[in-house]
């Protein structure tokens, strides 16, 4: 086999949480909650993530029903306009998920380097 330019083997992994056997939280939902937090608006979060407002609202409702706790609070329009904020429960979920994800990726990277560091 002819030698081609050197390629580097990489590992990829995806982490998500399940609740009662159903997918509950992963990178996509993390992105949604962080966008809501940044913008204070589900509409702006929808624009940023290219996910429809209706879909984001449905995802949030589904997560809140599964968890039994509010993840966002909203105030509709009026003189000052509406807003949406994530709750402390959502902040805690984000924080814990990011820590878990970082820890897992760190361990996966260590194991990968030990097993494949000199491959091919």
PDB file of N, CA and C in Angstrom:
ATOM      1  N   UNK A   1       0.849  -1.171   0.000  1.00  0.00           N
ATOM      2  CA  UNK A   1       0.000   0.000   0.000  1.00  0.00           C
ATOM      3  C   UNK A   1       0.900   1.240   0.000  1.00  0.00           C
ATOM      4  N   UNK A   2       0.659   2.169  -0.925  1.00  0.00           N
ATOM      5  CA  UNK A   2       1.503   3.361  -0.989  1.00  0.00           C
ATOM      6  C   UNK A   2       1.289   4.247   0.234  1.00  0.00           C
ATOM      7  N   UNK A   3       2.396   4.885   0.627  1.00  0.00           N
ATOM      8  CA  UNK A   3       2.319   5.801   1.759  1.00  0.00           C
ATOM      9  C   UNK A   3       1.619   7.083   1.345  1.00  0.00           C
ATOM     10  N   UNK A   4       0.587   7.436   2.064  1.00  0.00           N
ATOM     11  CA  UNK A   4      -0.091   8.701   1.800  1.00  0.00           C
ATOM     12  C   UNK A   4       0.289   9.674   2.906  1.00  0.00           C
ATOM     13  N   UNK A   5      -0.202  10.894   2.786  1.00  0.00           N
ATOM     14  CA  UNK A   5       0.163  11.850   3.819  1.00  0.00           C
ATOM     15  C   UNK A   5      -0.334  11.361   5.173  1.00  0.00           C
ATOM     16  N   UNK A   6       0.429  11.697   6.204  1.00  0.00           N
ATOM     17  CA  UNK A   6       0.152  11.210   7.548  1.00  0.00           C
ATOM     18  C   UNK A   6      -1.197  11.736   8.050  1.00  0.00           C
ATOM     19  N   UNK A   7      -1.990  10.818   8.548  1.00  0.00           N
ATOM     20  CA  UNK A   7      -3.275  11.189   9.122  1.00  0.00           C
ATOM     21  C   UNK A   7      -3.220  10.947  10.620  1.00  0.00           C
ATOM     22  N   UNK A   8      -4.015  11.679  11.325  1.00  0.00           N
ATOM     23  CA  UNK A   8      -4.052  11.533  12.778  1.00  0.00           C
ATOM     24  C   UNK A   8      -5.397  10.945  13.178  1.00  0.00           C
ATOM     25  N   UNK A   9      -5.327   9.852  13.892  1.00  0.00           N
ATOM     26  CA  UNK A   9      -6.519   9.190  14.401  1.00  0.00           C
ATOM     27  C   UNK A   9      -7.094  10.018  15.552  1.00  0.00           C
ATOM     28  N   UNK A  10      -8.392  10.212  15.553  1.00  0.00           N
ATOM     29  CA  UNK A  10      -9.067  10.989  16.601  1.00  0.00           C
ATOM     30  C   UNK A  10     -10.218  10.178  17.162  1.00  0.00           C
ATOM     31  N   UNK A  11     -10.622  10.522  18.346  1.00  0.00           N
ATOM     32  CA  UNK A  11     -11.796   9.896  18.951  1.00  0.00           C
ATOM     33  C   UNK A  11     -12.868  10.957  19.165  1.00  0.00           C
ATOM     34  N   UNK A  12     -14.094  10.563  18.986  1.00  0.00           N
ATOM     35  CA  UNK A  12     -15.238  11.445  19.203  1.00  0.00           C
ATOM     36  C   UNK A  12     -16.203  10.718  20.128  1.00  0.00           C
ATOM     37  N   UNK A  13     -16.852  11.482  20.980  1.00  0.00           N
ATOM     38  CA  UNK A  13     -17.854  10.883  21.857  1.00  0.00           C
ATOM     39  C   UNK A  13     -18.985  11.871  22.060  1.00  0.00           C
ATOM     40  N   UNK A  14     -20.140  11.340  22.386  1.00  0.00           N
ATOM     41  CA  UNK A  14     -21.327  12.157  22.610  1.00  0.00           C
ATOM     42  C   UNK A  14     -21.936  11.694  23.929  1.00  0.00           C
ATOM     43  N   UNK A  15     -22.247  12.661  24.787  1.00  0.00           N
ATOM     44  CA  UNK A  15     -22.777  12.366  26.109  1.00  0.00           C
ATOM     45  C   UNK A  15     -24.170  12.968  26.220  1.00  0.00           C
ATOM     46  N   UNK A  16     -25.093  12.221  26.798  1.00  0.00           N
ATOM     47  CA  UNK A  16     -26.414  12.764  27.094  1.00  0.00           C
ATOM     48  C   UNK A  16     -26.932  12.097  28.354  1.00  0.00           C
ATOM     49  N   UNK A  17     -27.917  12.718  28.952  1.00  0.00           N
ATOM     50  CA  UNK A  17     -28.555  12.179  30.147  1.00  0.00           C
ATOM     51  C   UNK A  17     -29.900  11.595  29.759  1.00  0.00           C
ATOM     52  N   UNK A  18     -30.259  10.500  30.418  1.00  0.00           N
ATOM     53  CA  UNK A  18     -31.581   9.921  30.253  1.00  0.00           C
ATOM     54  C   UNK A  18     -32.293   9.991  31.589  1.00  0.00           C
ATOM     55  N   UNK A  19     -33.585  10.165  31.542  1.00  0.00           N
ATOM     56  CA  UNK A  19     -34.407  10.199  32.744  1.00  0.00           C
ATOM     57  C   UNK A  19     -35.532   9.196  32.544  1.00  0.00           C
ATOM     58  N   UNK A  20     -35.596   8.216  33.418  1.00  0.00           N
ATOM     59  CA  UNK A  20     -36.587   7.134  33.312  1.00  0.00           C
ATOM     60  C   UNK A  20     -36.528   6.458  31.941  1.00  0.00           C
ATOM     61  N   UNK A  21     -35.317   6.260  31.438  1.00  0.00           N
ATOM     62  CA  UNK A  21     -35.129   5.561  30.173  1.00  0.00           C
ATOM     63  C   UNK A  21     -35.354   6.395  28.927  1.00  0.00           C
ATOM     64  N   UNK A  22     -35.653   7.687  29.092  1.00  0.00           N
ATOM     65  CA  UNK A  22     -35.886   8.561  27.937  1.00  0.00           C
ATOM     66  C   UNK A  22     -34.805   9.622  27.856  1.00  0.00           C
ATOM     67  N   UNK A  23     -34.379   9.968  26.625  1.00  0.00           N
ATOM     68  CA  UNK A  23     -33.388  11.047  26.490  1.00  0.00           C
ATOM     69  C   UNK A  23     -33.921  12.316  27.155  1.00  0.00           C
ATOM     70  N   UNK A  24     -33.073  12.956  27.950  1.00  0.00           N
ATOM     71  CA  UNK A  24     -33.493  14.136  28.692  1.00  0.00           C
ATOM     72  C   UNK A  24     -32.651  15.368  28.384  1.00  0.00           C
ATOM     73  N   UNK A  25     -31.328  15.216  28.369  1.00  0.00           N
ATOM     74  CA  UNK A  25     -30.470  16.394  28.232  1.00  0.00           C
ATOM     75  C   UNK A  25     -29.164  16.016  27.560  1.00  0.00           C
ATOM     76  N   UNK A  26     -28.796  16.816  26.569  1.00  0.00           N
ATOM     77  CA  UNK A  26     -27.539  16.611  25.862  1.00  0.00           C
ATOM     78  C   UNK A  26     -27.066  17.937  25.302  1.00  0.00           C
ATOM     79  N   UNK A  27     -26.139  17.870  24.372  1.00  0.00           N
ATOM     80  CA  UNK A  27     -25.524  19.074  23.812  1.00  0.00           C
ATOM     81  C   UNK A  27     -26.547  20.014  23.174  1.00  0.00           C
ATOM     82  N   UNK A  28     -27.510  19.488  22.463  1.00  0.00           N
ATOM     83  CA  UNK A  28     -28.510  20.331  21.813  1.00  0.00           C
ATOM     84  C   UNK A  28     -29.343  21.117  22.812  1.00  0.00           C
ATOM     85  N   UNK A  29     -29.785  20.456  23.849  1.00  0.00           N
ATOM     86  CA  UNK A  29     -30.608  21.121  24.856  1.00  0.00           C
ATOM     87  C   UNK A  29     -29.765  22.074  25.703  1.00  0.00           C
ATOM     88  N   UNK A  30     -28.517  21.712  25.909  1.00  0.00           N
ATOM     89  CA  UNK A  30     -27.584  22.631  26.571  1.00  0.00           C
ATOM     90  C   UNK A  30     -27.453  23.917  25.770  1.00  0.00           C
ATOM     91  N   UNK A  31     -27.292  23.775  24.464  1.00  0.00           N
ATOM     92  CA  UNK A  31     -27.162  24.933  23.577  1.00  0.00           C
ATOM     93  C   UNK A  31     -28.401  25.824  23.657  1.00  0.00           C
ATOM     94  N   UNK A  32     -29.578  25.215  23.689  1.00  0.00           N
ATOM     95  CA  UNK A  32     -30.829  25.975  23.772  1.00  0.00           C
ATOM     96  C   UNK A  32     -30.901  26.772  25.073  1.00  0.00           C
ATOM     97  N   UNK A  33     -30.658  26.109  26.210  1.00  0.00           N
ATOM     98  CA  UNK A  33     -30.742  26.808  27.489  1.00  0.00           C
ATOM     99  C   UNK A  33     -29.707  27.931  27.587  1.00  0.00           C
ATOM    100  N   UNK A  34     -28.510  27.696  27.087  1.00  0.00           N
ATOM    101  CA  UNK A  34     -27.470  28.732  27.123  1.00  0.00           C
ATOM    102  C   UNK A  34     -27.847  29.919  26.234  1.00  0.00           C
ATOM    103  N   UNK A  35     -28.466  29.653  25.082  1.00  0.00           N
ATOM    104  CA  UNK A  35     -28.893  30.738  24.190  1.00  0.00           C
ATOM    105  C   UNK A  35     -30.015  31.548  24.833  1.00  0.00           C
ATOM    106  N   UNK A  36     -30.945  30.883  25.501  1.00  0.00           N
ATOM    107  CA  UNK A  36     -32.010  31.599  26.214  1.00  0.00           C
ATOM    108  C   UNK A  36     -31.391  32.478  27.297  1.00  0.00           C
ATOM    109  N   UNK A  37     -30.435  31.933  28.018  1.00  0.00           N
ATOM    110  CA  UNK A  37     -29.775  32.688  29.082  1.00  0.00           C
ATOM    111  C   UNK A  37     -29.038  33.914  28.530  1.00  0.00           C
ATOM    112  N   UNK A  38     -28.352  33.735  27.429  1.00  0.00           N
ATOM    113  CA  UNK A  38     -27.593  34.835  26.812  1.00  0.00           C
ATOM    114  C   UNK A  38     -28.488  35.963  26.324  1.00  0.00           C
ATOM    115  N   UNK A  39     -29.596  35.582  25.682  1.00  0.00           N
ATOM    116  CA  UNK A  39     -30.446  36.564  25.019  1.00  0.00           C
ATOM    117  C   UNK A  39     -31.640  37.027  25.851  1.00  0.00           C
ATOM    118  N   UNK A  40     -32.014  36.254  26.863  1.00  0.00           N
ATOM    119  CA  UNK A  40     -33.209  36.602  27.635  1.00  0.00           C
ATOM    120  C   UNK A  40     -34.473  36.498  26.801  1.00  0.00           C
ATOM    121  N   UNK A  41     -34.396  35.630  25.771  1.00  0.00           N
ATOM    122  CA  UNK A  41     -35.508  35.520  24.828  1.00  0.00           C
ATOM    123  C   UNK A  41     -35.473  34.170  24.136  1.00  0.00           C
ATOM    124  N   UNK A  42     -36.630  33.501  24.099  1.00  0.00           N
ATOM    125  CA  UNK A  42     -36.715  32.246  23.346  1.00  0.00           C
ATOM    126  C   UNK A  42     -36.701  32.519  21.852  1.00  0.00           C
ATOM    127  N   UNK A  43     -37.262  33.649  21.436  1.00  0.00           N
ATOM    128  CA  UNK A  43     -37.274  33.987  20.010  1.00  0.00           C
ATOM    129  C   UNK A  43     -35.843  34.200  19.508  1.00  0.00           C
ATOM    130  N   UNK A  44     -35.055  34.949  20.272  1.00  0.00           N
ATOM    131  CA  UNK A  44     -33.661  35.179  19.867  1.00  0.00           C
ATOM    132  C   UNK A  44     -32.844  33.891  19.951  1.00  0.00           C
ATOM    133  N   UNK A  45     -33.154  33.050  20.944  1.00  0.00           N
ATOM    134  CA  UNK A  45     -32.486  31.746  21.047  1.00  0.00           C
ATOM    135  C   UNK A  45     -32.823  30.901  19.820  1.00  0.00           C
ATOM    136  N   UNK A  46     -34.063  30.969  19.372  1.00  0.00           N
ATOM    137  CA  UNK A  46     -34.482  30.231  18.176  1.00  0.00           C
ATOM    138  C   UNK A  46     -33.714  30.722  16.948  1.00  0.00           C
ATOM    139  N   UNK A  47     -33.568  32.032  16.830  1.00  0.00           N
ATOM    140  CA  UNK A  47     -32.813  32.594  15.704  1.00  0.00           C
ATOM    141  C   UNK A  47     -31.353  32.135  15.733  1.00  0.00           C
ATOM    142  N   UNK A  48     -30.750  32.181  16.931  1.00  0.00           N
ATOM    143  CA  UNK A  48     -29.337  31.784  17.060  1.00  0.00           C
ATOM    144  C   UNK A  48     -29.114  30.310  16.741  1.00  0.00           C
ATOM    145  N   UNK A  49     -30.008  29.457  17.210  1.00  0.00           N
ATOM    146  CA  UNK A  49     -29.814  28.016  17.068  1.00  0.00           C
ATOM    147  C   UNK A  49     -30.421  27.432  15.798  1.00  0.00           C
ATOM    148  N   UNK A  50     -31.173  28.256  15.061  1.00  0.00           N
ATOM    149  CA  UNK A  50     -31.882  27.781  13.867  1.00  0.00           C
ATOM    150  C   UNK A  50     -32.868  26.655  14.194  1.00  0.00           C
ATOM    151  N   UNK A  51     -33.466  26.760  15.372  1.00  0.00           N
ATOM    152  CA  UNK A  51     -34.524  25.849  15.796  1.00  0.00           C
ATOM    153  C   UNK A  51     -35.764  26.720  15.977  1.00  0.00           C
ATOM    154  N   UNK A  52     -36.897  26.264  15.515  1.00  0.00           N
ATOM    155  CA  UNK A  52     -38.092  27.103  15.606  1.00  0.00           C
ATOM    156  C   UNK A  52     -38.457  27.392  17.062  1.00  0.00           C
ATOM    157  N   UNK A  53     -39.069  28.551  17.262  1.00  0.00           N
ATOM    158  CA  UNK A  53     -39.552  28.927  18.594  1.00  0.00           C
ATOM    159  C   UNK A  53     -40.472  27.840  19.128  1.00  0.00           C
ATOM    160  N   UNK A  54     -41.373  27.373  18.290  1.00  0.00           N
ATOM    161  CA  UNK A  54     -42.337  26.349  18.697  1.00  0.00           C
ATOM    162  C   UNK A  54     -41.627  25.073  19.163  1.00  0.00           C
ATOM    163  N   UNK A  55     -40.593  24.673  18.446  1.00  0.00           N
ATOM    164  CA  UNK A  55     -39.832  23.466  18.817  1.00  0.00           C
ATOM    165  C   UNK A  55     -39.090  23.681  20.136  1.00  0.00           C
ATOM    166  N   UNK A  56     -38.480  24.857  20.296  1.00  0.00           N
ATOM    167  CA  UNK A  56     -37.776  25.144  21.551  1.00  0.00           C
ATOM    168  C   UNK A  56     -38.756  25.115  22.719  1.00  0.00           C
ATOM    169  N   UNK A  57     -39.906  25.744  22.547  1.00  0.00           N
ATOM    170  CA  UNK A  57     -40.907  25.760  23.619  1.00  0.00           C
ATOM    171  C   UNK A  57     -41.349  24.338  23.956  1.00  0.00           C
ATOM    172  N   UNK A  58     -41.528  23.508  22.927  1.00  0.00           N
ATOM    173  CA  UNK A  58     -41.908  22.116  23.154  1.00  0.00           C
ATOM    174  C   UNK A  58     -40.830  21.332  23.892  1.00  0.00           C
ATOM    175  N   UNK A  59     -39.579  21.560  23.533  1.00  0.00           N
ATOM    176  CA  UNK A  59     -38.463  20.882  24.207  1.00  0.00           C
ATOM    177  C   UNK A  59     -38.411  21.288  25.675  1.00  0.00           C
ATOM    178  N   UNK A  60     -38.557  22.586  25.931  1.00  0.00           N
ATOM    179  CA  UNK A  60     -38.523  23.073  27.316  1.00  0.00           C
ATOM    180  C   UNK A  60     -39.673  22.462  28.119  1.00  0.00           C
ATOM    181  N   UNK A  61     -40.879  22.471  27.552  1.00  0.00           N
ATOM    182  CA  UNK A  61     -42.041  21.887  28.254  1.00  0.00           C
ATOM    183  C   UNK A  61     -41.805  20.407  28.556  1.00  0.00           C
ATOM    184  N   UNK A  62     -41.293  19.681  27.568  1.00  0.00           N
ATOM    185  CA  UNK A  62     -41.028  18.250  27.738  1.00  0.00           C
ATOM    186  C   UNK A  62     -40.022  18.017  28.868  1.00  0.00           C
ATOM    187  N   UNK A  63     -38.961  18.795  28.890  1.00  0.00           N
ATOM    188  CA  UNK A  63     -37.950  18.648  29.939  1.00  0.00           C
ATOM    189  C   UNK A  63     -38.531  18.988  31.313  1.00  0.00           C
ATOM    190  N   UNK A  64     -39.314  20.049  31.377  1.00  0.00           N
ATOM    191  CA  UNK A  64     -39.920  20.448  32.649  1.00  0.00           C
ATOM    192  C   UNK A  64     -40.876  19.378  33.157  1.00  0.00           C
ATOM    193  N   UNK A  65     -41.640  18.762  32.256  1.00  0.00           N
ATOM    194  CA  UNK A  65     -42.551  17.682  32.654  1.00  0.00           C
ATOM    195  C   UNK A  65     -41.771  16.480  33.154  1.00  0.00           C
ATOM    196  N   UNK A  66     -40.702  16.115  32.449  1.00  0.00           N
ATOM    197  CA  UNK A  66     -39.885  14.974  32.865  1.00  0.00           C
ATOM    198  C   UNK A  66     -39.256  15.219  34.232  1.00  0.00           C
ATOM    199  N   UNK A  67     -38.756  16.417  34.444  1.00  0.00           N
ATOM    200  CA  UNK A  67     -38.031  16.749  35.662  1.00  0.00           C
ATOM    201  C   UNK A  67     -38.964  17.114  36.810  1.00  0.00           C
ATOM    202  N   UNK A  68     -40.135  17.655  36.476  1.00  0.00           N
ATOM    203  CA  UNK A  68     -41.052  18.093  37.508  1.00  0.00           C
ATOM    204  C   UNK A  68     -40.654  19.430  38.115  1.00  0.00           C
ATOM    205  N   UNK A  69     -39.868  20.207  37.387  1.00  0.00           N
ATOM    206  CA  UNK A  69     -39.408  21.525  37.838  1.00  0.00           C
ATOM    207  C   UNK A  69     -39.348  22.479  36.659  1.00  0.00           C
ATOM    208  N   UNK A  70     -39.492  23.755  36.952  1.00  0.00           N
ATOM    209  CA  UNK A  70     -39.390  24.780  35.907  1.00  0.00           C
ATOM    210  C   UNK A  70     -37.925  25.004  35.536  1.00  0.00           C
ATOM    211  N   UNK A  71     -37.687  25.150  34.239  1.00  0.00           N
ATOM    212  CA  UNK A  71     -36.346  25.463  33.743  1.00  0.00           C
ATOM    213  C   UNK A  71     -36.258  26.879  33.196  1.00  0.00           C
ATOM    214  N   UNK A  72     -37.413  27.442  32.828  1.00  0.00           N
ATOM    215  CA  UNK A  72     -37.455  28.837  32.370  1.00  0.00           C
ATOM    216  C   UNK A  72     -38.667  29.524  32.986  1.00  0.00           C
ATOM    217  N   UNK A  73     -38.545  30.836  33.110  1.00  0.00           N
ATOM    218  CA  UNK A  73     -39.684  31.675  33.489  1.00  0.00           C
ATOM    219  C   UNK A  73     -39.792  32.760  32.436  1.00  0.00           C
ATOM    220  N   UNK A  74     -41.013  33.140  32.110  1.00  0.00           N
ATOM    221  CA  UNK A  74     -41.242  34.115  31.045  1.00  0.00           C
ATOM    222  C   UNK A  74     -42.250  35.166  31.476  1.00  0.00           C
ATOM    223  N   UNK A  75     -42.120  36.326  30.851  1.00  0.00           N
ATOM    224  CA  UNK A  75     -43.097  37.394  30.993  1.00  0.00           C
ATOM    225  C   UNK A  75     -43.430  37.843  29.581  1.00  0.00           C
ATOM    226  N   UNK A  76     -44.696  37.831  29.245  1.00  0.00           N
ATOM    227  CA  UNK A  76     -45.110  38.208  27.893  1.00  0.00           C
ATOM    228  C   UNK A  76     -45.106  39.713  27.720  1.00  0.00           C
ATOM    229  N   UNK A  77     -44.781  40.141  26.527  1.00  0.00           N
ATOM    230  CA  UNK A  77     -44.829  41.519  26.045  1.00  0.00           C
ATOM    231  C   UNK A  77     -45.139  42.640  27.007  1.00  0.00           C
ATOM    232  N   UNK A  78     -45.975  43.556  26.573  1.00  0.00           N
ATOM    233  CA  UNK A  78     -46.310  44.724  27.359  1.00  0.00           C
ATOM    234  C   UNK A  78     -45.453  45.913  26.972  1.00  0.00           C
ATOM    235  N   UNK A  79     -45.515  46.981  27.770  1.00  0.00           N
ATOM    236  CA  UNK A  79     -44.766  48.205  27.478  1.00  0.00           C
ATOM    237  C   UNK A  79     -43.268  47.973  27.360  1.00  0.00           C
ATOM    238  N   UNK A  80     -42.738  47.190  28.268  1.00  0.00           N
ATOM    239  CA  UNK A  80     -41.288  46.965  28.298  1.00  0.00           C
ATOM    240  C   UNK A  80     -40.858  45.778  27.443  1.00  0.00           C
ATOM    241  N   UNK A  81     -41.787  45.096  26.844  1.00  0.00           N
ATOM    242  CA  UNK A  81     -41.456  43.911  26.054  1.00  0.00           C
ATOM    243  C   UNK A  81     -41.369  42.687  26.950  1.00  0.00           C
ATOM    244  N   UNK A  82     -41.347  41.527  26.344  1.00  0.00           N
ATOM    245  CA  UNK A  82     -41.291  40.293  27.109  1.00  0.00           C
ATOM    246  C   UNK A  82     -39.862  39.861  27.373  1.00  0.00           C
ATOM    247  N   UNK A  83     -39.727  38.862  28.202  1.00  0.00           N
ATOM    248  CA  UNK A  83     -38.418  38.303  28.494  1.00  0.00           C
ATOM    249  C   UNK A  83     -38.576  36.855  28.937  1.00  0.00           C
ATOM    250  N   UNK A  84     -37.499  36.124  28.848  1.00  0.00           N
ATOM    251  CA  UNK A  84     -37.436  34.754  29.346  1.00  0.00           C
ATOM    252  C   UNK A  84     -36.096  34.587  30.040  1.00  0.00           C
ATOM    253  N   UNK A  85     -36.108  33.926  31.179  1.00  0.00           N
ATOM    254  CA  UNK A  85     -34.878  33.669  31.927  1.00  0.00           C
ATOM    255  C   UNK A  85     -34.845  32.202  32.324  1.00  0.00           C
ATOM    256  N   UNK A  86     -33.644  31.655  32.434  1.00  0.00           N
ATOM    257  CA  UNK A  86     -33.528  30.288  32.939  1.00  0.00           C
ATOM    258  C   UNK A  86     -33.546  30.337  34.463  1.00  0.00           C
ATOM    259  N   UNK A  87     -34.031  29.271  35.068  1.00  0.00           N
ATOM    260  CA  UNK A  87     -34.132  29.194  36.526  1.00  0.00           C
ATOM    261  C   UNK A  87     -32.817  28.698  37.124  1.00  0.00           C
ATOM    262  N   UNK A  88     -32.735  28.763  38.436  1.00  0.00           N
ATOM    263  CA  UNK A  88     -31.566  28.212  39.126  1.00  0.00           C
ATOM    264  C   UNK A  88     -31.440  26.711  38.884  1.00  0.00           C
ATOM    265  N   UNK A  89     -32.576  26.042  38.727  1.00  0.00           N
ATOM    266  CA  UNK A  89     -32.550  24.609  38.407  1.00  0.00           C
ATOM    267  C   UNK A  89     -31.854  24.387  37.068  1.00  0.00           C
ATOM    268  N   UNK A  90     -32.181  25.208  36.077  1.00  0.00           N
ATOM    269  CA  UNK A  90     -31.542  25.092  34.761  1.00  0.00           C
ATOM    270  C   UNK A  90     -30.048  25.409  34.850  1.00  0.00           C
ATOM    271  N   UNK A  91     -29.705  26.448  35.620  1.00  0.00           N
ATOM    272  CA  UNK A  91     -28.278  26.795  35.798  1.00  0.00           C
ATOM    273  C   UNK A  91     -27.506  25.638  36.426  1.00  0.00           C
ATOM    274  N   UNK A  92     -28.122  25.022  37.435  1.00  0.00           N
ATOM    275  CA  UNK A  92     -27.477  23.892  38.107  1.00  0.00           C
ATOM    276  C   UNK A  92     -27.324  22.711  37.149  1.00  0.00           C
ATOM    277  N   UNK A  93     -28.347  22.435  36.362  1.00  0.00           N
ATOM    278  CA  UNK A  93     -28.285  21.360  35.375  1.00  0.00           C
ATOM    279  C   UNK A  93     -27.161  21.615  34.372  1.00  0.00           C
ATOM    280  N   UNK A  94     -27.075  22.837  33.862  1.00  0.00           N
ATOM    281  CA  UNK A  94     -26.011  23.204  32.921  1.00  0.00           C
ATOM    282  C   UNK A  94     -24.645  22.991  33.555  1.00  0.00           C
ATOM    283  N   UNK A  95     -24.472  23.508  34.762  1.00  0.00           N
ATOM    284  CA  UNK A  95     -23.186  23.410  35.459  1.00  0.00           C
ATOM    285  C   UNK A  95     -22.771  21.952  35.666  1.00  0.00           C
ATOM    286  N   UNK A  96     -23.696  21.141  36.169  1.00  0.00           N
ATOM    287  CA  UNK A  96     -23.374  19.734  36.429  1.00  0.00           C
ATOM    288  C   UNK A  96     -23.087  18.972  35.139  1.00  0.00           C
ATOM    289  N   UNK A  97     -23.887  19.239  34.108  1.00  0.00           N
ATOM    290  CA  UNK A  97     -23.690  18.544  32.836  1.00  0.00           C
ATOM    291  C   UNK A  97     -22.336  18.895  32.238  1.00  0.00           C
ATOM    292  N   UNK A  98     -21.975  20.175  32.258  1.00  0.00           N
ATOM    293  CA  UNK A  98     -20.687  20.591  31.695  1.00  0.00           C
ATOM    294  C   UNK A  98     -19.518  19.980  32.465  1.00  0.00           C
ATOM    295  N   UNK A  99     -19.629  19.907  33.796  1.00  0.00           N
ATOM    296  CA  UNK A  99     -18.574  19.269  34.597  1.00  0.00           C
ATOM    297  C   UNK A  99     -18.470  17.778  34.271  1.00  0.00           C
ATOM    298  N   UNK A 100     -19.611  17.123  34.183  1.00  0.00           N
ATOM    299  CA  UNK A 100     -19.632  15.691  33.856  1.00  0.00           C
ATOM    300  C   UNK A 100     -19.032  15.450  32.484  1.00  0.00           C
ATOM    301  N   UNK A 101     -19.448  16.260  31.532  1.00  0.00           N
ATOM    302  CA  UNK A 101     -18.971  16.123  30.161  1.00  0.00           C
ATOM    303  C   UNK A 101     -17.460  16.324  30.090  1.00  0.00           C
ATOM    304  N   UNK A 102     -16.953  17.340  30.754  1.00  0.00           N
ATOM    305  CA  UNK A 102     -15.508  17.617  30.751  1.00  0.00           C
ATOM    306  C   UNK A 102     -14.747  16.455  31.373  1.00  0.00           C
ATOM    307  N   UNK A 103     -15.253  15.931  32.490  1.00  0.00           N
ATOM    308  CA  UNK A 103     -14.596  14.805  33.150  1.00  0.00           C
ATOM    309  C   UNK A 103     -14.570  13.569  32.275  1.00  0.00           C
ATOM    310  N   UNK A 104     -15.690  13.273  31.636  1.00  0.00           N
ATOM    311  CA  UNK A 104     -15.748  12.104  30.758  1.00  0.00           C
ATOM    312  C   UNK A 104     -14.812  12.255  29.567  1.00  0.00           C
ATOM    313  N   UNK A 105     -14.827  13.437  28.942  1.00  0.00           N
ATOM    314  CA  UNK A 105     -13.954  13.648  27.787  1.00  0.00           C
ATOM    315  C   UNK A 105     -12.483  13.552  28.192  1.00  0.00           C
ATOM    316  N   UNK A 106     -12.159  14.048  29.366  1.00  0.00           N
ATOM    317  CA  UNK A 106     -10.783  13.953  29.857  1.00  0.00           C
ATOM    318  C   UNK A 106     -10.367  12.488  30.006  1.00  0.00           C
ATOM    319  N   UNK A 107     -11.217  11.679  30.614  1.00  0.00           N
ATOM    320  CA  UNK A 107     -10.916  10.250  30.787  1.00  0.00           C
ATOM    321  C   UNK A 107     -10.850   9.527  29.442  1.00  0.00           C
ATOM    322  N   UNK A 108     -11.769   9.846  28.550  1.00  0.00           N
ATOM    323  CA  UNK A 108     -11.768   9.234  27.220  1.00  0.00           C
ATOM    324  C   UNK A 108     -10.479   9.584  26.485  1.00  0.00           C
ATOM    325  N   UNK A 109     -10.058  10.849  26.569  1.00  0.00           N
ATOM    326  CA  UNK A 109      -8.819  11.276  25.901  1.00  0.00           C
ATOM    327  C   UNK A 109      -7.604  10.554  26.471  1.00  0.00           C
ATOM    328  N   UNK A 110      -7.546  10.387  27.791  1.00  0.00           N
ATOM    329  CA  UNK A 110      -6.426   9.676  28.421  1.00  0.00           C
ATOM    330  C   UNK A 110      -6.377   8.218  27.944  1.00  0.00           C
ATOM    331  N   UNK A 111      -7.528   7.562  27.956  1.00  0.00           N
ATOM    332  CA  UNK A 111      -7.589   6.161  27.525  1.00  0.00           C
ATOM    333  C   UNK A 111      -7.234   6.040  26.051  1.00  0.00           C
ATOM    334  N   UNK A 112      -7.748   6.945  25.232  1.00  0.00           N
ATOM    335  CA  UNK A 112      -7.445   6.933  23.803  1.00  0.00           C
ATOM    336  C   UNK A 112      -5.944   7.089  23.580  1.00  0.00           C
ATOM    337  N   UNK A 113      -5.335   8.040  24.254  1.00  0.00           N
ATOM    338  CA  UNK A 113      -3.893   8.284  24.087  1.00  0.00           C
ATOM    339  C   UNK A 113      -3.098   7.051  24.498  1.00  0.00           C
ATOM    340  N   UNK A 114      -3.501   6.409  25.591  1.00  0.00           N
ATOM    341  CA  UNK A 114      -2.807   5.206  26.056  1.00  0.00           C
ATOM    342  C   UNK A 114      -2.939   4.066  25.034  1.00  0.00           C
ATOM    343  N   UNK A 115      -4.116   3.909  24.460  1.00  0.00           N
ATOM    344  CA  UNK A 115      -4.349   2.795  23.536  1.00  0.00           C
ATOM    345  C   UNK A 115      -3.958   3.075  22.086  1.00  0.00           C
ATOM    346  N   UNK A 116      -4.107   4.326  21.655  1.00  0.00           N
ATOM    347  CA  UNK A 116      -3.911   4.642  20.239  1.00  0.00           C
ATOM    348  C   UNK A 116      -2.884   5.738  19.982  1.00  0.00           C
ATOM    349  N   UNK A 117      -2.184   6.199  21.008  1.00  0.00           N
ATOM    350  CA  UNK A 117      -1.266   7.320  20.871  1.00  0.00           C
ATOM    351  C   UNK A 117      -0.207   7.131  19.787  1.00  0.00           C
ATOM    352  N   UNK A 118       0.209   5.898  19.560  1.00  0.00           N
ATOM    353  CA  UNK A 118       1.241   5.620  18.562  1.00  0.00           C
ATOM    354  C   UNK A 118       0.677   4.963  17.292  1.00  0.00           C
ATOM    355  N   UNK A 119      -0.629   5.035  17.130  1.00  0.00           N
ATOM    356  CA  UNK A 119      -1.288   4.352  16.009  1.00  0.00           C
ATOM    357  C   UNK A 119      -1.642   5.356  14.935  1.00  0.00           C
ATOM    358  N   UNK A 120      -1.518   5.099  13.699  1.00  0.00           N
ATOM    359  CA  UNK A 120      -0.948   3.953  13.017  1.00  0.00           C
ATOM    360  C   UNK A 120       0.547   4.015  12.920  1.00  0.00           C
TER     361      UNK A 120
END
